[in-house]
Amino acid sequence: MQYQEGRSNDEWEQAFDEASARKATGRISNAGGYETEIDLKTKKRRLEARIIELKQEIEAIEKVLESKLR
């Protein structure tokens, strides 16, 4: 996630520089950056939720294995 975030930030900065060179409005340039940030936060939340699910599944598997080993 950190690598992807860094890469997206680099792309956003490059797009901003290009827009500035073309004298594009700040609103258009900033919109892409905010969308990228929101998209990354959404992906991060999804990944964190999936990690929680996987940890719960691992715990359930461990409980079953422990009961079978006794």
N, C-alpha and C. Protein backbone atom coordinates (compact mmCIF):
# COMPACT_ATOMS: atom_id res chain seq x y z
N MET A 1 0.83 -1.20 0.00
CA MET A 1 0.00 0.00 0.00
C MET A 1 0.87 1.26 0.00
N GLN A 2 1.95 1.24 0.80
CA GLN A 2 2.80 2.43 0.88
C GLN A 2 3.48 2.69 -0.46
N TYR A 3 3.91 1.63 -1.12
CA TYR A 3 4.53 1.80 -2.44
C TYR A 3 3.52 2.37 -3.42
N GLN A 4 2.31 1.81 -3.40
CA GLN A 4 1.27 2.29 -4.33
C GLN A 4 0.91 3.74 -4.02
N GLU A 5 0.83 4.09 -2.74
CA GLU A 5 0.52 5.46 -2.35
C GLU A 5 1.61 6.41 -2.84
N GLY A 6 2.88 6.01 -2.65
CA GLY A 6 3.99 6.84 -3.11
C GLY A 6 3.96 7.03 -4.61
N ARG A 7 3.69 5.95 -5.31
CA ARG A 7 3.62 6.01 -6.78
C ARG A 7 2.48 6.92 -7.23
N SER A 8 1.32 6.79 -6.57
CA SER A 8 0.19 7.64 -6.91
C SER A 8 0.49 9.10 -6.64
N ASN A 9 1.19 9.35 -5.52
CA ASN A 9 1.56 10.74 -5.21
C ASN A 9 2.50 11.29 -6.27
N ASP A 10 3.46 10.47 -6.72
CA ASP A 10 4.37 10.90 -7.78
C ASP A 10 3.61 11.22 -9.06
N GLU A 11 2.65 10.34 -9.41
CA GLU A 11 1.85 10.56 -10.62
C GLU A 11 1.01 11.83 -10.48
N TRP A 12 0.46 12.03 -9.27
CA TRP A 12 -0.36 13.22 -9.05
C TRP A 12 0.49 14.48 -9.19
N GLU A 13 1.70 14.45 -8.61
CA GLU A 13 2.58 15.62 -8.71
C GLU A 13 2.94 15.90 -10.17
N GLN A 14 3.21 14.86 -10.92
CA GLN A 14 3.54 15.04 -12.33
C GLN A 14 2.34 15.62 -13.09
N ALA A 15 1.15 15.09 -12.82
CA ALA A 15 -0.04 15.61 -13.48
C ALA A 15 -0.29 17.07 -13.10
N PHE A 16 -0.05 17.40 -11.83
CA PHE A 16 -0.23 18.76 -11.37
C PHE A 16 0.74 19.70 -12.08
N ASP A 17 2.01 19.26 -12.19
CA ASP A 17 3.01 20.07 -12.88
C ASP A 17 2.62 20.29 -14.35
N GLU A 18 2.15 19.23 -14.99
CA GLU A 18 1.73 19.34 -16.39
C GLU A 18 0.53 20.28 -16.52
N ALA A 19 -0.41 20.17 -15.59
CA ALA A 19 -1.59 21.04 -15.63
C ALA A 19 -1.18 22.49 -15.39
N SER A 20 -0.23 22.70 -14.48
CA SER A 20 0.25 24.05 -14.21
C SER A 20 0.92 24.64 -15.44
N ALA A 21 1.67 23.81 -16.15
CA ALA A 21 2.35 24.27 -17.36
C ALA A 21 1.33 24.67 -18.42
N ARG A 22 0.19 23.99 -18.44
CA ARG A 22 -0.86 24.32 -19.40
C ARG A 22 -1.80 25.40 -18.86
N LYS A 23 -1.52 25.80 -17.60
CA LYS A 23 -2.34 26.80 -16.91
C LYS A 23 -3.78 26.32 -16.73
N ALA A 24 -3.92 25.03 -16.45
CA ALA A 24 -5.24 24.47 -16.17
C ALA A 24 -5.71 24.99 -14.82
N THR A 25 -6.99 24.95 -14.59
CA THR A 25 -7.51 25.47 -13.32
C THR A 25 -7.11 24.55 -12.18
N GLY A 26 -6.93 25.14 -11.01
CA GLY A 26 -6.55 24.37 -9.84
C GLY A 26 -7.58 23.34 -9.47
N ARG A 27 -8.84 23.65 -9.71
CA ARG A 27 -9.91 22.72 -9.34
C ARG A 27 -9.77 21.41 -10.11
N ILE A 28 -9.46 21.48 -11.37
CA ILE A 28 -9.31 20.27 -12.18
C ILE A 28 -8.09 19.48 -11.72
N SER A 29 -6.99 20.17 -11.48
CA SER A 29 -5.77 19.49 -11.05
C SER A 29 -5.94 18.83 -9.69
N ASN A 30 -6.58 19.53 -8.76
CA ASN A 30 -6.73 19.00 -7.43
C ASN A 30 -7.72 17.84 -7.38
N ALA A 31 -8.70 17.84 -8.24
CA ALA A 31 -9.72 16.79 -8.21
C ALA A 31 -9.07 15.43 -8.38
N GLY A 32 -8.14 15.30 -9.30
CA GLY A 32 -7.48 14.01 -9.50
C GLY A 32 -6.72 13.57 -8.27
N GLY A 33 -6.06 14.47 -7.61
CA GLY A 33 -5.31 14.13 -6.42
C GLY A 33 -6.21 13.66 -5.29
N TYR A 34 -7.32 14.35 -5.09
CA TYR A 34 -8.24 13.95 -4.04
C TYR A 34 -8.86 12.60 -4.35
N GLU A 35 -9.19 12.37 -5.60
CA GLU A 35 -9.76 11.07 -5.98
C GLU A 35 -8.76 9.96 -5.69
N THR A 36 -7.51 10.19 -6.00
CA THR A 36 -6.49 9.19 -5.75
C THR A 36 -6.38 8.91 -4.26
N GLU A 37 -6.37 9.94 -3.45
CA GLU A 37 -6.25 9.77 -2.01
C GLU A 37 -7.45 9.01 -1.47
N ILE A 38 -8.64 9.35 -1.92
CA ILE A 38 -9.86 8.67 -1.47
C ILE A 38 -9.82 7.21 -1.90
N ASP A 39 -9.43 6.96 -3.14
CA ASP A 39 -9.35 5.58 -3.63
C ASP A 39 -8.38 4.76 -2.80
N LEU A 40 -7.23 5.32 -2.47
CA LEU A 40 -6.25 4.59 -1.66
C LEU A 40 -6.77 4.32 -0.26
N LYS A 41 -7.46 5.28 0.33
CA LYS A 41 -8.02 5.08 1.67
C LYS A 41 -9.08 3.99 1.64
N THR A 42 -9.89 3.96 0.58
CA THR A 42 -10.91 2.93 0.44
C THR A 42 -10.26 1.55 0.31
N LYS A 43 -9.23 1.46 -0.51
CA LYS A 43 -8.52 0.19 -0.66
C LYS A 43 -7.89 -0.24 0.65
N LYS A 44 -7.34 0.72 1.38
CA LYS A 44 -6.71 0.41 2.66
C LYS A 44 -7.74 -0.15 3.64
N ARG A 45 -8.92 0.48 3.70
CA ARG A 45 -9.97 0.00 4.60
C ARG A 45 -10.41 -1.41 4.21
N ARG A 46 -10.53 -1.66 2.91
CA ARG A 46 -10.92 -3.00 2.45
C ARG A 46 -9.87 -4.03 2.84
N LEU A 47 -8.60 -3.69 2.65
CA LEU A 47 -7.52 -4.62 3.01
C LEU A 47 -7.49 -4.87 4.51
N GLU A 48 -7.68 -3.81 5.30
CA GLU A 48 -7.69 -3.98 6.75
C GLU A 48 -8.85 -4.87 7.19
N ALA A 49 -10.01 -4.69 6.57
CA ALA A 49 -11.17 -5.53 6.89
C ALA A 49 -10.89 -6.98 6.51
N ARG A 50 -10.25 -7.19 5.38
CA ARG A 50 -9.93 -8.56 4.94
C ARG A 50 -8.92 -9.19 5.88
N ILE A 51 -7.96 -8.42 6.37
CA ILE A 51 -6.98 -8.94 7.33
C ILE A 51 -7.68 -9.40 8.61
N ILE A 52 -8.64 -8.62 9.07
CA ILE A 52 -9.40 -9.00 10.26
C ILE A 52 -10.14 -10.31 10.01
N GLU A 53 -10.78 -10.44 8.84
CA GLU A 53 -11.49 -11.68 8.50
C GLU A 53 -10.54 -12.87 8.49
N LEU A 54 -9.38 -12.70 7.88
CA LEU A 54 -8.41 -13.79 7.80
C LEU A 54 -7.90 -14.19 9.18
N LYS A 55 -7.67 -13.20 10.04
CA LYS A 55 -7.22 -13.51 11.41
C LYS A 55 -8.28 -14.31 12.15
N GLN A 56 -9.55 -13.95 11.95
CA GLN A 56 -10.64 -14.68 12.60
C GLN A 56 -10.71 -16.11 12.07
N GLU A 57 -10.52 -16.28 10.77
CA GLU A 57 -10.53 -17.62 10.19
C GLU A 57 -9.37 -18.46 10.74
N ILE A 58 -8.20 -17.85 10.86
CA ILE A 58 -7.04 -18.56 11.40
C ILE A 58 -7.30 -18.99 12.84
N GLU A 59 -7.89 -18.10 13.63
CA GLU A 59 -8.21 -18.43 15.02
C GLU A 59 -9.18 -19.61 15.08
N ALA A 60 -10.18 -19.61 14.21
CA ALA A 60 -11.16 -20.69 14.20
C ALA A 60 -10.49 -22.01 13.81
N ILE A 61 -9.60 -21.97 12.84
CA ILE A 61 -8.87 -23.18 12.42
C ILE A 61 -7.99 -23.69 13.55
N GLU A 62 -7.30 -22.77 14.22
CA GLU A 62 -6.45 -23.16 15.34
C GLU A 62 -7.24 -23.81 16.45
N LYS A 63 -8.43 -23.30 16.74
CA LYS A 63 -9.28 -23.90 17.79
C LYS A 63 -9.67 -25.32 17.41
N VAL A 64 -10.03 -25.52 16.16
CA VAL A 64 -10.41 -26.87 15.71
C VAL A 64 -9.21 -27.81 15.80
N LEU A 65 -8.06 -27.36 15.38
CA LEU A 65 -6.85 -28.19 15.44
C LEU A 65 -6.49 -28.53 16.88
N GLU A 66 -6.59 -27.54 17.77
CA GLU A 66 -6.29 -27.79 19.19
C GLU A 66 -7.21 -28.83 19.79
N SER A 67 -8.50 -28.74 19.44
CA SER A 67 -9.46 -29.70 20.00
C SER A 67 -9.21 -31.10 19.45
N LYS A 68 -8.77 -31.22 18.23
CA LYS A 68 -8.48 -32.54 17.64
C LYS A 68 -7.18 -33.13 18.16
N LEU A 69 -6.25 -32.31 18.58
CA LEU A 69 -4.97 -32.79 19.08
C LEU A 69 -5.06 -33.24 20.55
N ARG A 70 -6.09 -32.87 21.24
CA ARG A 70 -6.24 -33.22 22.66
C ARG A 70 -6.79 -34.59 22.82
